[in-house]
N, C-alpha and C. Protein backbone atom coordinates (compact mmCIF):
# COMPACT_ATOMS: atom_id res chain seq x y z
N MET A 1 -93.54 -38.72 66.51
CA MET A 1 -94.90 -38.25 66.84
C MET A 1 -95.39 -38.92 68.12
N ARG A 2 -96.29 -38.27 68.82
CA ARG A 2 -96.78 -38.73 70.11
C ARG A 2 -98.14 -39.41 69.92
N VAL A 3 -98.25 -40.64 70.47
CA VAL A 3 -99.43 -41.47 70.23
C VAL A 3 -100.03 -41.92 71.56
N VAL A 4 -101.35 -41.93 71.62
CA VAL A 4 -102.08 -42.54 72.75
C VAL A 4 -102.86 -43.74 72.21
N VAL A 5 -102.79 -44.86 72.95
CA VAL A 5 -103.45 -46.10 72.53
C VAL A 5 -104.63 -46.36 73.48
N VAL A 6 -105.81 -46.59 72.90
CA VAL A 6 -107.02 -46.83 73.70
C VAL A 6 -107.65 -48.13 73.27
N ASP A 7 -107.66 -49.11 74.17
CA ASP A 7 -108.27 -50.41 73.91
C ASP A 7 -108.54 -51.07 75.25
N ASP A 8 -109.66 -51.78 75.37
CA ASP A 8 -109.98 -52.38 76.67
C ASP A 8 -109.23 -53.69 76.91
N HIS A 9 -108.47 -54.16 75.95
CA HIS A 9 -107.69 -55.38 76.13
C HIS A 9 -106.21 -55.04 76.35
N PRO A 10 -105.68 -55.34 77.54
CA PRO A 10 -104.27 -55.03 77.83
C PRO A 10 -103.31 -55.64 76.81
N ILE A 11 -103.64 -56.83 76.31
CA ILE A 11 -102.71 -57.48 75.37
C ILE A 11 -102.58 -56.67 74.08
N VAL A 12 -103.67 -56.00 73.68
CA VAL A 12 -103.61 -55.16 72.48
C VAL A 12 -102.76 -53.93 72.74
N ARG A 13 -102.99 -53.30 73.89
CA ARG A 13 -102.21 -52.11 74.23
C ARG A 13 -100.73 -52.44 74.34
N ASP A 14 -100.44 -53.57 75.00
CA ASP A 14 -99.04 -53.98 75.15
C ASP A 14 -98.40 -54.29 73.79
N GLY A 15 -99.17 -54.93 72.93
CA GLY A 15 -98.65 -55.25 71.61
C GLY A 15 -98.33 -54.02 70.78
N LEU A 16 -99.21 -53.04 70.85
CA LEU A 16 -98.96 -51.81 70.10
C LEU A 16 -97.79 -51.02 70.68
N ARG A 17 -97.72 -51.02 72.02
CA ARG A 17 -96.58 -50.32 72.65
C ARG A 17 -95.27 -50.99 72.23
N ALA A 18 -95.26 -52.34 72.20
CA ALA A 18 -94.05 -53.05 71.78
C ALA A 18 -93.71 -52.77 70.31
N LEU A 19 -94.75 -52.74 69.48
CA LEU A 19 -94.54 -52.44 68.05
C LEU A 19 -93.93 -51.07 67.87
N PHE A 20 -94.52 -50.08 68.47
CA PHE A 20 -94.04 -48.72 68.28
C PHE A 20 -92.71 -48.47 68.99
N GLY A 21 -92.40 -49.33 69.97
CA GLY A 21 -91.10 -49.23 70.62
C GLY A 21 -89.94 -49.52 69.70
N THR A 22 -90.24 -50.17 68.56
CA THR A 22 -89.19 -50.47 67.57
C THR A 22 -89.13 -49.43 66.47
N VAL A 23 -89.99 -48.42 66.56
CA VAL A 23 -90.08 -47.40 65.51
C VAL A 23 -89.56 -46.08 66.06
N ALA A 24 -88.59 -45.51 65.39
CA ALA A 24 -87.90 -44.33 65.95
C ALA A 24 -88.78 -43.10 66.07
N ASP A 25 -89.71 -42.93 65.11
CA ASP A 25 -90.44 -41.67 65.08
C ASP A 25 -91.83 -41.74 65.73
N ILE A 26 -92.16 -42.85 66.39
CA ILE A 26 -93.46 -42.99 67.06
C ILE A 26 -93.23 -43.28 68.52
N ASP A 27 -93.83 -42.48 69.40
CA ASP A 27 -93.65 -42.63 70.83
C ASP A 27 -95.01 -42.74 71.51
N VAL A 28 -95.28 -43.87 72.17
CA VAL A 28 -96.52 -44.04 72.92
C VAL A 28 -96.40 -43.28 74.23
N VAL A 29 -97.18 -42.21 74.37
CA VAL A 29 -97.08 -41.36 75.56
C VAL A 29 -98.19 -41.62 76.56
N GLY A 30 -99.18 -42.42 76.18
CA GLY A 30 -100.27 -42.71 77.12
C GLY A 30 -101.16 -43.81 76.58
N GLU A 31 -101.98 -44.36 77.47
CA GLU A 31 -102.92 -45.40 77.06
C GLU A 31 -104.12 -45.37 77.99
N ALA A 32 -105.23 -45.96 77.52
CA ALA A 32 -106.45 -46.01 78.30
C ALA A 32 -107.25 -47.24 77.89
N ALA A 33 -108.20 -47.61 78.75
CA ALA A 33 -108.99 -48.83 78.50
C ALA A 33 -110.44 -48.52 78.16
N ASP A 34 -110.85 -47.25 78.22
CA ASP A 34 -112.24 -46.91 77.91
C ASP A 34 -112.32 -45.48 77.40
N ALA A 35 -113.56 -45.08 77.04
CA ALA A 35 -113.75 -43.77 76.44
C ALA A 35 -113.41 -42.63 77.40
N GLU A 36 -113.77 -42.81 78.68
CA GLU A 36 -113.47 -41.74 79.65
C GLU A 36 -111.96 -41.59 79.83
N GLY A 37 -111.26 -42.73 79.86
CA GLY A 37 -109.80 -42.66 79.94
C GLY A 37 -109.19 -42.00 78.72
N ALA A 38 -109.77 -42.30 77.55
CA ALA A 38 -109.30 -41.67 76.33
C ALA A 38 -109.46 -40.17 76.38
N LEU A 39 -110.60 -39.73 76.87
CA LEU A 39 -110.86 -38.29 76.97
C LEU A 39 -109.85 -37.64 77.92
N ARG A 40 -109.57 -38.31 79.03
CA ARG A 40 -108.61 -37.78 80.00
C ARG A 40 -107.22 -37.68 79.38
N GLU A 41 -106.80 -38.72 78.70
CA GLU A 41 -105.45 -38.74 78.10
C GLU A 41 -105.32 -37.67 77.01
N VAL A 42 -106.34 -37.53 76.18
CA VAL A 42 -106.27 -36.54 75.12
C VAL A 42 -106.24 -35.12 75.71
N THR A 43 -107.03 -34.91 76.75
CA THR A 43 -107.08 -33.59 77.39
C THR A 43 -105.72 -33.22 77.99
N LEU A 44 -105.09 -34.19 78.66
CA LEU A 44 -103.83 -33.92 79.36
C LEU A 44 -102.62 -33.92 78.44
N LEU A 45 -102.62 -34.83 77.46
CA LEU A 45 -101.41 -35.07 76.67
C LEU A 45 -101.42 -34.45 75.29
N ARG A 46 -102.61 -34.16 74.76
CA ARG A 46 -102.73 -33.61 73.41
C ARG A 46 -101.83 -34.38 72.42
N PRO A 47 -102.07 -35.67 72.25
CA PRO A 47 -101.21 -36.47 71.36
C PRO A 47 -101.41 -36.06 69.90
N ASP A 48 -100.46 -36.46 69.06
CA ASP A 48 -100.60 -36.24 67.62
C ASP A 48 -101.61 -37.19 67.03
N VAL A 49 -101.59 -38.44 67.49
CA VAL A 49 -102.48 -39.47 66.96
C VAL A 49 -103.08 -40.27 68.12
N LEU A 50 -104.38 -40.55 67.99
CA LEU A 50 -105.09 -41.38 68.96
C LEU A 50 -105.51 -42.66 68.26
N LEU A 51 -105.01 -43.80 68.74
CA LEU A 51 -105.45 -45.10 68.24
C LEU A 51 -106.62 -45.55 69.12
N LEU A 52 -107.78 -45.75 68.52
CA LEU A 52 -109.01 -45.90 69.29
C LEU A 52 -109.78 -47.14 68.86
N ASP A 53 -110.19 -47.95 69.82
CA ASP A 53 -111.08 -49.09 69.53
C ASP A 53 -112.51 -48.59 69.45
N VAL A 54 -113.40 -49.39 68.86
CA VAL A 54 -114.81 -49.00 68.78
C VAL A 54 -115.57 -49.44 70.01
N HIS A 55 -115.51 -50.73 70.34
CA HIS A 55 -116.30 -51.27 71.46
C HIS A 55 -115.46 -51.34 72.72
N MET A 56 -115.89 -50.55 73.73
CA MET A 56 -115.18 -50.50 75.00
C MET A 56 -116.19 -50.31 76.13
N PRO A 57 -115.81 -50.61 77.36
CA PRO A 57 -116.72 -50.40 78.49
C PRO A 57 -117.08 -48.93 78.61
N GLY A 58 -118.34 -48.67 78.94
CA GLY A 58 -118.77 -47.29 79.19
C GLY A 58 -119.10 -46.48 77.94
N GLY A 59 -119.13 -47.13 76.78
CA GLY A 59 -119.50 -46.39 75.57
C GLY A 59 -118.53 -46.67 74.43
N THR A 60 -119.01 -46.50 73.20
CA THR A 60 -118.19 -46.81 72.04
C THR A 60 -117.24 -45.65 71.70
N GLY A 61 -116.19 -46.01 70.98
CA GLY A 61 -115.29 -44.98 70.52
C GLY A 61 -115.96 -44.01 69.58
N LEU A 62 -116.91 -44.50 68.78
CA LEU A 62 -117.63 -43.61 67.86
C LEU A 62 -118.46 -42.59 68.61
N ALA A 63 -119.14 -43.04 69.68
CA ALA A 63 -119.96 -42.13 70.47
C ALA A 63 -119.11 -41.07 71.16
N ALA A 64 -117.87 -41.42 71.47
CA ALA A 64 -116.98 -40.50 72.18
C ALA A 64 -116.27 -39.51 71.25
N LEU A 65 -116.39 -39.72 69.94
CA LEU A 65 -115.64 -38.90 68.98
C LEU A 65 -115.87 -37.40 69.15
N PRO A 66 -117.11 -36.92 69.26
CA PRO A 66 -117.29 -35.47 69.39
C PRO A 66 -116.54 -34.88 70.59
N ARG A 67 -116.59 -35.57 71.73
CA ARG A 67 -115.89 -35.07 72.92
C ARG A 67 -114.38 -35.14 72.75
N LEU A 68 -113.92 -36.21 72.11
CA LEU A 68 -112.48 -36.33 71.89
C LEU A 68 -111.99 -35.24 70.93
N ARG A 69 -112.78 -34.94 69.91
CA ARG A 69 -112.44 -33.87 68.99
C ARG A 69 -112.38 -32.53 69.70
N ALA A 70 -113.34 -32.30 70.59
CA ALA A 70 -113.37 -31.03 71.31
C ALA A 70 -112.18 -30.91 72.26
N ALA A 71 -111.78 -32.05 72.87
CA ALA A 71 -110.67 -32.03 73.83
C ALA A 71 -109.33 -31.87 73.14
N GLY A 72 -109.21 -32.44 71.95
CA GLY A 72 -107.93 -32.35 71.22
C GLY A 72 -108.17 -32.09 69.74
N PRO A 73 -108.48 -30.87 69.37
CA PRO A 73 -108.82 -30.55 67.98
C PRO A 73 -107.72 -30.92 66.98
N GLU A 74 -106.49 -30.91 67.43
CA GLU A 74 -105.38 -31.21 66.50
C GLU A 74 -105.01 -32.68 66.49
N THR A 75 -105.61 -33.47 67.39
CA THR A 75 -105.29 -34.90 67.45
C THR A 75 -105.97 -35.65 66.33
N ARG A 76 -105.20 -36.44 65.60
CA ARG A 76 -105.74 -37.30 64.53
C ARG A 76 -106.26 -38.59 65.17
N VAL A 77 -107.37 -39.09 64.67
CA VAL A 77 -107.99 -40.28 65.25
C VAL A 77 -107.94 -41.43 64.25
N LEU A 78 -107.30 -42.52 64.66
CA LEU A 78 -107.20 -43.72 63.84
C LEU A 78 -107.92 -44.85 64.57
N LEU A 79 -109.02 -45.35 64.00
CA LEU A 79 -109.72 -46.47 64.62
C LEU A 79 -108.99 -47.77 64.30
N LEU A 80 -108.82 -48.61 65.32
CA LEU A 80 -108.22 -49.91 65.15
C LEU A 80 -109.16 -50.89 65.87
N THR A 81 -109.94 -51.66 65.10
CA THR A 81 -111.04 -52.39 65.68
C THR A 81 -111.26 -53.71 64.95
N MET A 82 -112.05 -54.58 65.55
CA MET A 82 -112.44 -55.83 64.91
C MET A 82 -113.57 -55.62 63.92
N ASP A 83 -114.30 -54.51 64.03
CA ASP A 83 -115.49 -54.28 63.22
C ASP A 83 -115.12 -53.77 61.84
N ASP A 84 -115.64 -54.45 60.79
CA ASP A 84 -115.44 -53.94 59.45
C ASP A 84 -116.73 -53.98 58.65
N ASP A 85 -117.89 -54.00 59.36
CA ASP A 85 -119.16 -53.99 58.65
C ASP A 85 -119.40 -52.61 58.04
N ALA A 86 -120.21 -52.59 57.00
CA ALA A 86 -120.41 -51.35 56.24
C ALA A 86 -120.99 -50.23 57.08
N GLU A 87 -121.93 -50.58 57.98
CA GLU A 87 -122.59 -49.53 58.76
C GLU A 87 -121.61 -48.85 59.72
N THR A 88 -120.79 -49.64 60.41
CA THR A 88 -119.80 -49.06 61.33
C THR A 88 -118.78 -48.22 60.61
N VAL A 89 -118.31 -48.72 59.45
CA VAL A 89 -117.34 -47.96 58.68
C VAL A 89 -117.94 -46.63 58.21
N ALA A 90 -119.20 -46.69 57.72
CA ALA A 90 -119.83 -45.47 57.24
C ALA A 90 -120.03 -44.47 58.36
N GLN A 91 -120.43 -44.95 59.54
CA GLN A 91 -120.60 -44.07 60.71
C GLN A 91 -119.28 -43.42 61.08
N ALA A 92 -118.22 -44.21 61.04
CA ALA A 92 -116.90 -43.69 61.42
C ALA A 92 -116.43 -42.59 60.46
N VAL A 93 -116.60 -42.86 59.16
CA VAL A 93 -116.15 -41.89 58.17
C VAL A 93 -117.02 -40.62 58.28
N ALA A 94 -118.33 -40.81 58.44
CA ALA A 94 -119.22 -39.65 58.60
C ALA A 94 -118.89 -38.88 59.87
N GLY A 95 -118.41 -39.59 60.91
CA GLY A 95 -118.07 -38.95 62.15
C GLY A 95 -116.75 -38.22 62.14
N GLY A 96 -115.99 -38.37 61.03
CA GLY A 96 -114.77 -37.61 60.87
C GLY A 96 -113.49 -38.26 61.34
N VAL A 97 -113.48 -39.61 61.43
CA VAL A 97 -112.21 -40.25 61.79
C VAL A 97 -111.19 -40.03 60.67
N ASP A 98 -109.92 -40.08 61.04
CA ASP A 98 -108.86 -39.85 60.05
C ASP A 98 -108.34 -41.16 59.46
N GLY A 99 -108.69 -42.28 60.09
CA GLY A 99 -108.27 -43.57 59.57
C GLY A 99 -109.06 -44.69 60.21
N TYR A 100 -109.12 -45.83 59.50
CA TYR A 100 -109.87 -46.99 59.99
C TYR A 100 -109.14 -48.24 59.54
N LEU A 101 -108.67 -49.00 60.52
CA LEU A 101 -108.03 -50.29 60.27
C LEU A 101 -108.71 -51.38 61.09
N VAL A 102 -108.67 -52.60 60.56
CA VAL A 102 -109.11 -53.74 61.36
C VAL A 102 -107.89 -54.33 62.05
N LYS A 103 -108.15 -55.03 63.15
CA LYS A 103 -107.04 -55.52 63.97
C LYS A 103 -106.24 -56.63 63.30
N GLY A 104 -106.70 -57.12 62.16
CA GLY A 104 -105.92 -58.09 61.42
C GLY A 104 -104.84 -57.44 60.57
N ALA A 105 -104.77 -56.12 60.59
CA ALA A 105 -103.75 -55.41 59.79
C ALA A 105 -102.36 -55.78 60.28
N GLY A 106 -101.43 -55.83 59.36
CA GLY A 106 -100.05 -56.16 59.73
C GLY A 106 -99.34 -55.00 60.40
N GLN A 107 -98.20 -55.28 60.99
CA GLN A 107 -97.46 -54.25 61.72
C GLN A 107 -97.05 -53.11 60.81
N ASP A 108 -96.60 -53.44 59.60
CA ASP A 108 -96.18 -52.38 58.68
C ASP A 108 -97.36 -51.50 58.28
N GLU A 109 -98.52 -52.13 58.07
CA GLU A 109 -99.70 -51.37 57.68
C GLU A 109 -100.13 -50.42 58.80
N ILE A 110 -100.07 -50.89 60.04
CA ILE A 110 -100.44 -50.04 61.17
C ILE A 110 -99.47 -48.87 61.30
N THR A 111 -98.19 -49.14 61.17
CA THR A 111 -97.19 -48.08 61.28
C THR A 111 -97.38 -47.03 60.18
N ARG A 112 -97.60 -47.51 58.94
CA ARG A 112 -97.80 -46.59 57.82
C ARG A 112 -99.06 -45.75 58.06
N ALA A 113 -100.11 -46.40 58.60
CA ALA A 113 -101.38 -45.68 58.83
C ALA A 113 -101.20 -44.55 59.84
N VAL A 114 -100.47 -44.83 60.90
CA VAL A 114 -100.22 -43.79 61.92
C VAL A 114 -99.48 -42.61 61.29
N ARG A 115 -98.50 -42.88 60.51
CA ARG A 115 -97.75 -41.80 59.85
C ARG A 115 -98.63 -41.03 58.86
N SER A 116 -99.46 -41.76 58.15
CA SER A 116 -100.29 -41.12 57.13
C SER A 116 -101.35 -40.23 57.74
N VAL A 117 -102.04 -40.70 58.78
CA VAL A 117 -103.05 -39.84 59.41
C VAL A 117 -102.39 -38.62 60.06
N HIS A 118 -101.18 -38.84 60.60
CA HIS A 118 -100.44 -37.70 61.16
C HIS A 118 -100.16 -36.65 60.11
N ASP A 119 -99.96 -37.10 58.86
CA ASP A 119 -99.67 -36.17 57.77
C ASP A 119 -100.93 -35.61 57.12
N GLY A 120 -102.09 -35.95 57.70
CA GLY A 120 -103.32 -35.36 57.19
C GLY A 120 -104.07 -36.16 56.16
N GLN A 121 -103.65 -37.41 55.95
CA GLN A 121 -104.33 -38.25 54.96
C GLN A 121 -105.44 -39.06 55.60
N LEU A 122 -106.47 -39.38 54.82
CA LEU A 122 -107.51 -40.31 55.25
C LEU A 122 -107.04 -41.72 54.90
N VAL A 123 -106.98 -42.58 55.90
CA VAL A 123 -106.49 -43.94 55.68
C VAL A 123 -107.60 -44.94 55.93
N LEU A 124 -107.88 -45.77 54.93
CA LEU A 124 -108.83 -46.87 55.08
C LEU A 124 -108.13 -48.16 54.75
N GLY A 125 -108.15 -49.11 55.68
CA GLY A 125 -107.49 -50.38 55.46
C GLY A 125 -108.03 -51.11 54.24
N ARG A 126 -107.27 -52.04 53.73
CA ARG A 126 -107.66 -52.73 52.49
C ARG A 126 -109.01 -53.39 52.59
N THR A 127 -109.33 -54.00 53.73
CA THR A 127 -110.62 -54.68 53.86
C THR A 127 -111.74 -53.69 54.15
N VAL A 128 -111.37 -52.47 54.51
CA VAL A 128 -112.36 -51.45 54.88
C VAL A 128 -112.85 -50.67 53.67
N ARG A 129 -111.95 -50.43 52.70
CA ARG A 129 -112.28 -49.53 51.58
C ARG A 129 -113.58 -49.90 50.86
N PRO A 130 -113.79 -51.18 50.49
CA PRO A 130 -115.03 -51.49 49.79
C PRO A 130 -116.26 -51.18 50.60
N ARG A 131 -116.19 -51.38 51.91
CA ARG A 131 -117.35 -51.14 52.77
C ARG A 131 -117.62 -49.65 52.91
N ALA A 132 -116.57 -48.85 52.85
CA ALA A 132 -116.77 -47.41 52.95
C ALA A 132 -117.53 -46.86 51.76
N LEU A 133 -117.51 -47.60 50.65
CA LEU A 133 -118.21 -47.17 49.44
C LEU A 133 -119.56 -47.83 49.29
N THR A 134 -119.93 -48.70 50.23
CA THR A 134 -121.20 -49.43 50.16
C THR A 134 -122.31 -48.60 50.77
N PRO A 135 -123.37 -48.31 50.03
CA PRO A 135 -124.48 -47.56 50.63
C PRO A 135 -125.07 -48.33 51.80
N VAL A 136 -125.38 -47.61 52.87
CA VAL A 136 -125.98 -48.23 54.06
C VAL A 136 -127.45 -47.98 54.05
N ALA A 137 -128.22 -49.06 54.15
CA ALA A 137 -129.68 -48.93 54.12
C ALA A 137 -130.17 -48.14 55.31
N ALA A 138 -131.24 -47.40 55.09
CA ALA A 138 -131.86 -46.64 56.18
C ALA A 138 -132.35 -47.62 57.24
N PRO A 139 -132.22 -47.28 58.52
CA PRO A 139 -132.70 -48.19 59.55
C PRO A 139 -134.21 -48.29 59.54
N PHE A 140 -134.72 -49.43 60.01
CA PHE A 140 -136.15 -49.66 60.16
C PHE A 140 -136.91 -49.48 58.84
N PRO A 141 -136.62 -50.30 57.84
CA PRO A 141 -137.32 -50.17 56.54
C PRO A 141 -138.82 -50.42 56.66
N GLN A 142 -139.26 -51.04 57.78
CA GLN A 142 -140.69 -51.29 57.95
C GLN A 142 -141.47 -50.01 58.27
N LEU A 143 -140.76 -48.94 58.62
CA LEU A 143 -141.42 -47.68 58.97
C LEU A 143 -141.61 -46.81 57.76
N ALA A 144 -142.72 -46.09 57.72
CA ALA A 144 -142.93 -45.06 56.71
C ALA A 144 -141.99 -43.88 56.99
N ALA A 145 -141.77 -43.06 56.00
CA ALA A 145 -140.84 -41.94 56.15
C ALA A 145 -141.23 -41.04 57.32
N ARG A 146 -142.52 -40.74 57.44
CA ARG A 146 -142.96 -39.86 58.53
C ARG A 146 -142.77 -40.54 59.87
N GLU A 147 -143.01 -41.85 59.94
CA GLU A 147 -142.81 -42.58 61.19
C GLU A 147 -141.33 -42.56 61.60
N ARG A 148 -140.45 -42.75 60.63
CA ARG A 148 -139.03 -42.72 60.93
C ARG A 148 -138.59 -41.32 61.39
N GLU A 149 -139.16 -40.32 60.78
CA GLU A 149 -138.84 -38.93 61.14
C GLU A 149 -139.24 -38.65 62.58
N ILE A 150 -140.43 -39.11 62.96
CA ILE A 150 -140.92 -38.89 64.32
C ILE A 150 -140.07 -39.69 65.32
N LEU A 151 -139.73 -40.94 64.96
CA LEU A 151 -138.91 -41.75 65.84
C LEU A 151 -137.54 -41.09 66.05
N ASP A 152 -136.97 -40.51 65.03
CA ASP A 152 -135.70 -39.82 65.14
C ASP A 152 -135.78 -38.67 66.15
N LEU A 153 -136.87 -37.92 66.11
CA LEU A 153 -137.05 -36.80 67.04
C LEU A 153 -137.28 -37.31 68.46
N VAL A 154 -138.03 -38.40 68.59
CA VAL A 154 -138.22 -39.02 69.92
C VAL A 154 -136.87 -39.44 70.48
N ALA A 155 -136.04 -40.08 69.65
CA ALA A 155 -134.73 -40.55 70.08
C ALA A 155 -133.84 -39.39 70.48
N ALA A 156 -134.09 -38.21 69.90
CA ALA A 156 -133.31 -37.01 70.25
C ALA A 156 -133.78 -36.37 71.55
N GLY A 157 -134.84 -36.93 72.14
CA GLY A 157 -135.31 -36.44 73.43
C GLY A 157 -136.46 -35.45 73.39
N LEU A 158 -137.06 -35.26 72.23
CA LEU A 158 -138.16 -34.31 72.12
C LEU A 158 -139.48 -34.94 72.55
N GLY A 159 -140.32 -34.16 73.18
CA GLY A 159 -141.65 -34.60 73.58
C GLY A 159 -142.65 -34.42 72.45
N ASN A 160 -143.82 -35.04 72.62
CA ASN A 160 -144.84 -34.97 71.55
C ASN A 160 -145.26 -33.56 71.18
N PRO A 161 -145.49 -32.65 72.14
CA PRO A 161 -145.89 -31.30 71.76
C PRO A 161 -144.85 -30.58 70.88
N VAL A 162 -143.57 -30.75 71.23
CA VAL A 162 -142.52 -30.12 70.44
C VAL A 162 -142.44 -30.75 69.04
N ILE A 163 -142.55 -32.07 68.99
CA ILE A 163 -142.52 -32.76 67.70
C ILE A 163 -143.69 -32.29 66.84
N ALA A 164 -144.86 -32.19 67.46
CA ALA A 164 -146.05 -31.76 66.72
C ALA A 164 -145.86 -30.37 66.14
N GLU A 165 -145.32 -29.47 66.94
CA GLU A 165 -145.09 -28.10 66.47
C GLU A 165 -144.06 -28.07 65.33
N ARG A 166 -143.00 -28.86 65.49
CA ARG A 166 -141.94 -28.85 64.49
C ARG A 166 -142.43 -29.39 63.16
N LEU A 167 -143.29 -30.43 63.22
CA LEU A 167 -143.74 -31.07 61.98
C LEU A 167 -145.10 -30.57 61.51
N HIS A 168 -145.63 -29.57 62.22
CA HIS A 168 -146.92 -29.00 61.87
C HIS A 168 -148.03 -30.06 61.89
N LEU A 169 -148.02 -30.83 62.96
CA LEU A 169 -149.03 -31.86 63.19
C LEU A 169 -149.70 -31.58 64.52
N SER A 170 -150.80 -32.27 64.77
CA SER A 170 -151.42 -32.17 66.10
C SER A 170 -150.75 -33.18 67.02
N PRO A 171 -150.69 -32.91 68.33
CA PRO A 171 -150.13 -33.88 69.28
C PRO A 171 -150.81 -35.25 69.17
N LYS A 172 -152.11 -35.27 68.89
CA LYS A 172 -152.84 -36.54 68.78
C LYS A 172 -152.34 -37.32 67.56
N THR A 173 -152.05 -36.62 66.48
CA THR A 173 -151.53 -37.30 65.29
C THR A 173 -150.14 -37.89 65.58
N VAL A 174 -149.32 -37.14 66.28
CA VAL A 174 -148.00 -37.65 66.66
C VAL A 174 -148.16 -38.91 67.52
N ALA A 175 -149.07 -38.86 68.48
CA ALA A 175 -149.29 -40.03 69.34
C ALA A 175 -149.76 -41.22 68.52
N ASN A 176 -150.60 -40.99 67.53
CA ASN A 176 -151.09 -42.09 66.68
C ASN A 176 -149.94 -42.69 65.87
N TYR A 177 -149.07 -41.82 65.35
CA TYR A 177 -147.90 -42.32 64.63
C TYR A 177 -147.03 -43.18 65.54
N LEU A 178 -146.85 -42.73 66.78
CA LEU A 178 -145.98 -43.47 67.69
C LEU A 178 -146.59 -44.82 68.07
N THR A 179 -147.90 -44.88 68.17
CA THR A 179 -148.54 -46.17 68.44
C THR A 179 -148.20 -47.16 67.32
N SER A 180 -148.23 -46.68 66.09
CA SER A 180 -147.88 -47.53 64.95
C SER A 180 -146.40 -47.91 64.98
N VAL A 181 -145.56 -46.94 65.33
CA VAL A 181 -144.10 -47.17 65.40
C VAL A 181 -143.79 -48.25 66.45
N PHE A 182 -144.38 -48.11 67.64
CA PHE A 182 -144.13 -49.08 68.70
C PHE A 182 -144.51 -50.50 68.23
N ALA A 183 -145.63 -50.61 67.57
CA ALA A 183 -146.09 -51.93 67.10
C ALA A 183 -145.12 -52.51 66.07
N LYS A 184 -144.65 -51.68 65.15
CA LYS A 184 -143.74 -52.17 64.11
C LYS A 184 -142.37 -52.53 64.67
N LEU A 185 -141.96 -51.83 65.72
CA LEU A 185 -140.64 -52.12 66.33
C LEU A 185 -140.71 -53.24 67.35
N GLY A 186 -141.94 -53.60 67.77
CA GLY A 186 -142.09 -54.63 68.79
C GLY A 186 -141.72 -54.16 70.17
N VAL A 187 -141.92 -52.86 70.46
CA VAL A 187 -141.65 -52.30 71.77
C VAL A 187 -142.96 -51.88 72.41
N THR A 188 -142.93 -51.70 73.72
CA THR A 188 -144.16 -51.41 74.44
C THR A 188 -144.24 -49.99 75.00
N ASP A 189 -143.12 -49.29 75.01
CA ASP A 189 -143.18 -47.94 75.57
C ASP A 189 -142.13 -47.04 74.91
N ARG A 190 -142.19 -45.78 75.26
CA ARG A 190 -141.31 -44.76 74.67
C ARG A 190 -139.85 -45.04 74.99
N GLY A 191 -139.55 -45.46 76.22
CA GLY A 191 -138.18 -45.72 76.64
C GLY A 191 -137.53 -46.80 75.78
N GLN A 192 -138.29 -47.90 75.55
CA GLN A 192 -137.75 -48.98 74.72
C GLN A 192 -137.54 -48.49 73.29
N ALA A 193 -138.44 -47.68 72.80
CA ALA A 193 -138.32 -47.16 71.43
C ALA A 193 -137.07 -46.28 71.31
N ILE A 194 -136.81 -45.48 72.34
CA ILE A 194 -135.64 -44.60 72.31
C ILE A 194 -134.35 -45.42 72.28
N VAL A 195 -134.28 -46.46 73.12
CA VAL A 195 -133.09 -47.30 73.14
C VAL A 195 -132.88 -47.98 71.80
N THR A 196 -133.96 -48.53 71.24
CA THR A 196 -133.86 -49.20 69.94
C THR A 196 -133.41 -48.24 68.85
N ALA A 197 -134.00 -47.04 68.86
CA ALA A 197 -133.66 -46.06 67.83
C ALA A 197 -132.22 -45.59 67.94
N ARG A 198 -131.78 -45.32 69.17
CA ARG A 198 -130.41 -44.84 69.35
C ARG A 198 -129.40 -45.91 68.98
N ASP A 199 -129.72 -47.17 69.27
CA ASP A 199 -128.82 -48.26 68.90
C ASP A 199 -128.62 -48.32 67.38
N ALA A 200 -129.64 -47.85 66.64
CA ALA A 200 -129.57 -47.85 65.16
C ALA A 200 -129.02 -46.56 64.61
N GLY A 201 -128.61 -45.64 65.50
CA GLY A 201 -128.00 -44.40 65.04
C GLY A 201 -128.93 -43.21 64.91
N LEU A 202 -130.19 -43.36 65.33
CA LEU A 202 -131.12 -42.24 65.26
C LEU A 202 -130.98 -41.33 66.48
N GLY A 203 -131.50 -40.14 66.36
CA GLY A 203 -131.52 -39.20 67.49
C GLY A 203 -130.25 -38.41 67.66
N ARG A 204 -129.38 -38.41 66.65
CA ARG A 204 -128.10 -37.70 66.78
C ARG A 204 -128.10 -36.32 66.16
N GLY A 205 -129.25 -35.92 65.67
CA GLY A 205 -129.34 -34.59 65.08
C GLY A 205 -128.73 -34.54 63.71
């Protein structure tokens, strides 16, 4: 099977290339150091499996997933990352990854995971499985439900008049809600609120 490796650390890419070089049925056909490079490699090479890190320059692997899926619908995505917190795992599974391993996984486990995702199985590493079943708390528990709903729409890029129409509120009421939201988040303007909200996963529709 044909594999592309994406990680911003050359030593990781070299290590995986060396590992798969000893495996008869796995061939590393490309590699990249960031999300844009991953998109380029998937578009050009259409690999069977993409090994993808989460944190890379220019954007996270999770944020790039929709574009990678569009570029290579048949490519299976296996995350190989240092992150094993419940929120990241839940976001990855919800985003449709085919597998999730932490970088402490052994060589045999990585090889088996590549084969398994290629065969259409969902693979979760041993340390990842419990976190995938852990409920993730809603972000910003200090916000009321309506405040969180409005913040989500703001993070999605909607203006107050559109939000007001969608929620059947007056623009003034929306503005009042946002004043409360800004105070609770400790931000001073809409731009800061958007950044904070998007960092927590809001605004993705």
